[in-house]
Amino acid sequence: MKQTAQRLAWLLYRIDDNGNEIEMARFAERSSAERAMHDYERRGHKQACLVRSVRLDEQGRSPPPQS
């Protein structure tokens, strides 16, 4: 059985006033995603943001954004 290292992408979401999560950007590194999230928070953005990981497939693709 072929073993491959699990690869992740890091997604930045905002949560709107109705609780909907909207994907804003994707990053290769968690630190980059968190830095972008903190930049939004520093600007006084009213809606909450969060960073979440997603597994990449064997071709390095992540699932399409959820609508």
Protein backbone atom coordinates (compact mmCIF):
# COMPACT_ATOMS: atom_id res chain seq x y z
CA MET A 1 0.00 0.00 0.00
CA LYS A 2 1.36 3.39 -1.01
CA GLN A 3 1.52 5.90 1.82
CA THR A 4 1.37 9.60 1.16
CA ALA A 5 1.73 12.46 3.58
CA GLN A 6 -1.56 14.15 4.31
CA ARG A 7 -1.60 17.61 2.79
CA LEU A 8 -3.80 20.43 3.99
CA ALA A 9 -5.00 23.78 2.75
CA TRP A 10 -6.10 26.49 5.17
CA LEU A 11 -9.35 28.34 4.48
CA LEU A 12 -10.33 31.75 5.83
CA TYR A 13 -14.07 32.19 6.39
CA ARG A 14 -16.19 35.07 7.59
CA ILE A 15 -19.38 34.49 9.52
CA ASP A 16 -22.18 36.85 8.57
CA ASP A 17 -24.93 38.21 10.80
CA ASN A 18 -27.15 35.21 9.98
CA GLY A 19 -24.51 32.62 10.90
CA ASN A 20 -23.60 31.76 7.30
CA GLU A 21 -19.93 30.90 6.67
CA ILE A 22 -18.48 32.39 3.50
CA GLU A 23 -15.07 31.31 2.23
CA MET A 24 -12.86 34.35 1.65
CA ALA A 25 -9.45 32.88 0.75
CA ARG A 26 -7.32 29.72 0.71
CA PHE A 27 -3.73 29.42 1.93
CA ALA A 28 -0.98 26.80 1.82
CA GLU A 29 0.16 27.64 5.35
CA ARG A 30 -1.84 28.07 8.52
CA SER A 31 0.24 31.05 9.62
CA SER A 32 -0.66 32.93 6.42
CA ALA A 33 -4.37 32.26 6.94
CA GLU A 34 -4.20 33.38 10.57
CA ARG A 35 -2.26 36.52 9.61
CA ALA A 36 -4.99 37.44 7.10
CA MET A 37 -7.66 36.79 9.75
CA HIS A 38 -5.87 39.07 12.22
CA ASP A 39 -5.54 41.76 9.54
CA TYR A 40 -9.34 41.77 9.13
CA GLU A 41 -9.81 41.89 12.91
CA ARG A 42 -7.36 44.80 13.26
CA ARG A 43 -9.30 46.80 10.67
CA GLY A 44 -12.40 46.58 12.83
CA HIS A 45 -14.27 44.26 10.47
CA LYS A 46 -17.68 43.74 12.09
CA GLN A 47 -18.17 40.09 11.14
CA ALA A 48 -16.27 37.25 12.79
CA CYS A 49 -13.62 35.28 10.90
CA LEU A 50 -12.25 31.79 11.38
CA VAL A 51 -9.54 29.56 9.89
CA ARG A 52 -10.27 25.94 9.07
CA SER A 53 -8.18 23.20 7.46
CA VAL A 54 -9.26 21.08 4.49
CA ARG A 55 -7.59 17.93 3.17
CA LEU A 56 -6.19 17.98 -0.34
CA ASP A 57 -6.76 15.08 -2.72
CA GLU A 58 -3.96 13.08 -4.36
CA GLN A 59 -3.62 15.72 -7.10
CA GLY A 60 -3.25 18.48 -4.51
CA ARG A 61 -6.73 19.87 -5.09
CA SER A 62 -9.07 20.97 -2.35
CA PRO A 63 -12.85 20.65 -2.49
CA PRO A 64 -14.66 23.46 -4.29
CA PRO A 65 -15.92 26.35 -2.13
CA GLN A 66 -19.24 25.75 -0.44
CA SER A 67 -22.00 28.18 -1.30
